[in-house]
Amino acid sequence: MFQTTIHAAKTHLSRLIQRACNGEDIVIARGKTPLVRLVPIDAPEQGRRFGALSGKARVDDAFFEPLAADELDAWNQ
């Protein structure tokens, strides 16, 4: 945990923001009394990306074989 004063935080705000974004715990204090913690906002979740599983999933020839009659009946119920 890194603690700094309000004055130093105002002077070095961009550096402190970068350190917080890199995962460091930053506390801003008045004198020796901690007041606030500087934390990054979570990045928004990205939507689905086309081709994200490219090369990670495999389909062999058995995938294209017809289903057995009992399995096909189970799907049709």
N, C-alpha and C. Protein backbone atom coordinates (compact mmCIF):
# COMPACT_ATOMS: atom_id res chain seq x y z
N MET A 1 0.85 -1.17 0.00
CA MET A 1 0.00 0.00 0.00
C MET A 1 0.90 1.24 0.00
N PHE A 2 0.59 2.15 -0.88
CA PHE A 2 1.32 3.42 -0.97
C PHE A 2 0.41 4.52 -0.46
N GLN A 3 0.90 5.31 0.49
CA GLN A 3 0.11 6.40 1.04
C GLN A 3 0.78 7.72 0.70
N THR A 4 -0.02 8.69 0.30
CA THR A 4 0.49 10.02 -0.05
C THR A 4 -0.45 11.08 0.50
N THR A 5 0.05 12.29 0.59
CA THR A 5 -0.78 13.40 1.08
C THR A 5 -1.61 13.99 -0.06
N ILE A 6 -2.59 14.79 0.29
CA ILE A 6 -3.44 15.42 -0.71
C ILE A 6 -2.60 16.33 -1.61
N HIS A 7 -1.70 17.09 -1.03
CA HIS A 7 -0.86 18.00 -1.81
C HIS A 7 -0.03 17.22 -2.83
N ALA A 8 0.63 16.16 -2.38
CA ALA A 8 1.45 15.35 -3.28
C ALA A 8 0.58 14.67 -4.34
N ALA A 9 -0.63 14.26 -3.96
CA ALA A 9 -1.52 13.62 -4.91
C ALA A 9 -1.93 14.58 -6.02
N LYS A 10 -2.19 15.85 -5.66
CA LYS A 10 -2.53 16.85 -6.67
C LYS A 10 -1.36 17.08 -7.62
N THR A 11 -0.17 17.08 -7.08
CA THR A 11 1.03 17.33 -7.88
C THR A 11 1.33 16.16 -8.83
N HIS A 12 1.11 14.93 -8.37
CA HIS A 12 1.50 13.74 -9.13
C HIS A 12 0.30 12.86 -9.49
N LEU A 13 -0.84 13.48 -9.76
CA LEU A 13 -2.07 12.72 -9.97
C LEU A 13 -1.95 11.72 -11.13
N SER A 14 -1.39 12.13 -12.26
CA SER A 14 -1.31 11.22 -13.41
C SER A 14 -0.45 9.99 -13.09
N ARG A 15 0.62 10.17 -12.35
CA ARG A 15 1.47 9.03 -11.95
C ARG A 15 0.71 8.10 -11.01
N LEU A 16 -0.02 8.69 -10.07
CA LEU A 16 -0.77 7.87 -9.13
C LEU A 16 -1.87 7.08 -9.83
N ILE A 17 -2.52 7.71 -10.80
CA ILE A 17 -3.55 7.00 -11.57
C ILE A 17 -2.94 5.82 -12.29
N GLN A 18 -1.78 6.01 -12.91
CA GLN A 18 -1.12 4.92 -13.63
C GLN A 18 -0.76 3.79 -12.68
N ARG A 19 -0.25 4.12 -11.51
CA ARG A 19 0.11 3.10 -10.53
C ARG A 19 -1.12 2.33 -10.06
N ALA A 20 -2.23 3.04 -9.86
CA ALA A 20 -3.47 2.37 -9.45
C ALA A 20 -3.97 1.45 -10.56
N CYS A 21 -3.88 1.90 -11.80
CA CYS A 21 -4.30 1.06 -12.94
C CYS A 21 -3.42 -0.17 -13.08
N ASN A 22 -2.19 -0.09 -12.62
CA ASN A 22 -1.28 -1.24 -12.66
C ASN A 22 -1.48 -2.18 -11.47
N GLY A 23 -2.46 -1.87 -10.62
CA GLY A 23 -2.80 -2.77 -9.53
C GLY A 23 -2.28 -2.37 -8.17
N GLU A 24 -1.59 -1.27 -8.07
CA GLU A 24 -1.05 -0.85 -6.78
C GLU A 24 -2.15 -0.19 -5.94
N ASP A 25 -2.09 -0.40 -4.64
CA ASP A 25 -3.06 0.17 -3.70
C ASP A 25 -2.58 1.56 -3.32
N ILE A 26 -3.34 2.60 -3.71
CA ILE A 26 -2.96 3.99 -3.45
C ILE A 26 -3.96 4.60 -2.46
N VAL A 27 -3.44 5.15 -1.35
CA VAL A 27 -4.27 5.81 -0.34
C VAL A 27 -3.85 7.27 -0.24
N ILE A 28 -4.85 8.15 -0.28
CA ILE A 28 -4.58 9.58 -0.15
C ILE A 28 -5.02 10.00 1.26
N ALA A 29 -4.12 10.72 1.94
CA ALA A 29 -4.35 11.05 3.34
C ALA A 29 -4.25 12.55 3.57
N ARG A 30 -4.93 13.01 4.62
CA ARG A 30 -4.76 14.37 5.10
C ARG A 30 -3.83 14.25 6.30
N GLY A 31 -2.60 14.71 6.12
CA GLY A 31 -1.60 14.49 7.16
C GLY A 31 -1.29 13.00 7.22
N LYS A 32 -1.54 12.40 8.39
CA LYS A 32 -1.33 10.95 8.53
C LYS A 32 -2.64 10.18 8.55
N THR A 33 -3.76 10.89 8.40
CA THR A 33 -5.08 10.25 8.45
C THR A 33 -5.53 9.85 7.04
N PRO A 34 -5.63 8.55 6.76
CA PRO A 34 -6.08 8.11 5.44
C PRO A 34 -7.52 8.56 5.19
N LEU A 35 -7.78 9.07 3.98
CA LEU A 35 -9.12 9.55 3.63
C LEU A 35 -9.77 8.74 2.51
N VAL A 36 -9.02 8.53 1.43
CA VAL A 36 -9.61 7.87 0.26
C VAL A 36 -8.61 6.88 -0.34
N ARG A 37 -9.17 5.96 -1.12
CA ARG A 37 -8.36 4.98 -1.83
C ARG A 37 -8.57 5.21 -3.32
N LEU A 38 -7.50 5.24 -4.08
CA LEU A 38 -7.56 5.43 -5.52
C LEU A 38 -7.59 4.06 -6.19
N VAL A 39 -8.70 3.78 -6.87
CA VAL A 39 -8.85 2.47 -7.52
C VAL A 39 -9.32 2.67 -8.96
N PRO A 40 -8.90 1.81 -9.87
CA PRO A 40 -9.36 1.93 -11.26
C PRO A 40 -10.79 1.41 -11.40
N ILE A 41 -11.49 1.98 -12.35
CA ILE A 41 -12.82 1.48 -12.69
C ILE A 41 -12.63 0.26 -13.57
N ASP A 42 -13.38 -0.78 -13.33
CA ASP A 42 -13.27 -1.99 -14.15
C ASP A 42 -13.58 -1.65 -15.59
N ALA A 43 -12.79 -2.20 -16.49
CA ALA A 43 -13.03 -1.98 -17.91
C ALA A 43 -14.35 -2.65 -18.30
N PRO A 44 -15.12 -2.02 -19.18
CA PRO A 44 -16.38 -2.62 -19.58
C PRO A 44 -16.15 -3.96 -20.28
N GLU A 45 -17.06 -4.86 -20.02
CA GLU A 45 -16.95 -6.18 -20.61
C GLU A 45 -17.15 -6.08 -22.12
N GLN A 46 -16.26 -6.68 -22.86
CA GLN A 46 -16.39 -6.62 -24.30
C GLN A 46 -17.37 -7.68 -24.77
N GLY A 47 -18.08 -7.37 -25.84
CA GLY A 47 -19.04 -8.30 -26.40
C GLY A 47 -18.36 -9.49 -27.05
N ARG A 48 -19.15 -10.34 -27.62
CA ARG A 48 -18.59 -11.51 -28.28
C ARG A 48 -17.78 -11.10 -29.49
N ARG A 49 -16.72 -11.82 -29.72
CA ARG A 49 -15.84 -11.53 -30.85
C ARG A 49 -15.88 -12.71 -31.81
N PHE A 50 -16.15 -12.42 -33.08
CA PHE A 50 -16.20 -13.46 -34.09
C PHE A 50 -14.84 -14.15 -34.20
N GLY A 51 -14.86 -15.46 -34.17
CA GLY A 51 -13.63 -16.23 -34.30
C GLY A 51 -12.86 -16.39 -33.01
N ALA A 52 -13.47 -16.11 -31.88
CA ALA A 52 -12.75 -16.19 -30.60
C ALA A 52 -12.28 -17.61 -30.30
N LEU A 53 -12.98 -18.62 -30.78
CA LEU A 53 -12.58 -20.01 -30.54
C LEU A 53 -11.86 -20.63 -31.73
N SER A 54 -11.44 -19.81 -32.66
CA SER A 54 -10.75 -20.31 -33.84
C SER A 54 -9.51 -21.10 -33.43
N GLY A 55 -9.45 -22.34 -33.89
CA GLY A 55 -8.31 -23.20 -33.58
C GLY A 55 -8.39 -23.87 -32.22
N LYS A 56 -9.42 -23.59 -31.43
CA LYS A 56 -9.54 -24.17 -30.10
C LYS A 56 -10.55 -25.30 -30.04
N ALA A 57 -11.47 -25.34 -30.98
CA ALA A 57 -12.49 -26.39 -31.00
C ALA A 57 -12.28 -27.23 -32.26
N ARG A 58 -12.47 -28.52 -32.12
CA ARG A 58 -12.29 -29.41 -33.26
C ARG A 58 -13.55 -30.23 -33.47
N VAL A 59 -13.87 -30.46 -34.72
CA VAL A 59 -15.00 -31.29 -35.09
C VAL A 59 -14.45 -32.43 -35.94
N ASP A 60 -14.63 -33.67 -35.46
CA ASP A 60 -14.14 -34.79 -36.25
C ASP A 60 -15.25 -35.35 -37.13
N ASP A 61 -14.96 -36.38 -37.88
CA ASP A 61 -15.92 -36.94 -38.83
C ASP A 61 -17.16 -37.50 -38.14
N ALA A 62 -17.04 -37.94 -36.89
CA ALA A 62 -18.18 -38.51 -36.18
C ALA A 62 -19.28 -37.46 -35.97
N PHE A 63 -18.95 -36.21 -35.98
CA PHE A 63 -19.94 -35.15 -35.81
C PHE A 63 -20.97 -35.20 -36.93
N PHE A 64 -20.53 -35.57 -38.13
CA PHE A 64 -21.41 -35.56 -39.29
C PHE A 64 -22.15 -36.88 -39.51
N GLU A 65 -21.87 -37.86 -38.68
CA GLU A 65 -22.58 -39.15 -38.77
C GLU A 65 -24.01 -38.98 -38.28
N PRO A 66 -24.96 -39.71 -38.88
CA PRO A 66 -26.34 -39.63 -38.40
C PRO A 66 -26.43 -40.15 -36.96
N LEU A 67 -27.37 -39.59 -36.20
CA LEU A 67 -27.59 -40.05 -34.83
C LEU A 67 -28.22 -41.44 -34.84
N ALA A 68 -27.94 -42.18 -33.78
CA ALA A 68 -28.60 -43.48 -33.61
C ALA A 68 -30.09 -43.23 -33.41
N ALA A 69 -30.91 -44.22 -33.75
CA ALA A 69 -32.37 -44.06 -33.71
C ALA A 69 -32.86 -43.65 -32.32
N ASP A 70 -32.33 -44.28 -31.26
CA ASP A 70 -32.79 -43.94 -29.91
C ASP A 70 -32.39 -42.51 -29.52
N GLU A 71 -31.22 -42.05 -29.93
CA GLU A 71 -30.82 -40.67 -29.65
C GLU A 71 -31.67 -39.68 -30.44
N LEU A 72 -31.95 -40.02 -31.68
CA LEU A 72 -32.78 -39.15 -32.52
C LEU A 72 -34.18 -39.04 -31.94
N ASP A 73 -34.72 -40.16 -31.45
CA ASP A 73 -36.04 -40.14 -30.82
C ASP A 73 -36.03 -39.26 -29.57
N ALA A 74 -34.95 -39.28 -28.81
CA ALA A 74 -34.86 -38.46 -27.59
C ALA A 74 -34.88 -36.97 -27.94
N TRP A 75 -34.29 -36.58 -29.05
CA TRP A 75 -34.29 -35.19 -29.48
C TRP A 75 -35.66 -34.77 -30.00
N ASN A 76 -36.40 -35.69 -30.57
CA ASN A 76 -37.68 -35.37 -31.18
C ASN A 76 -38.84 -35.38 -30.18
N GLN A 77 -38.60 -35.70 -28.94
CA GLN A 77 -39.70 -35.75 -27.97
C GLN A 77 -40.08 -34.40 -27.47
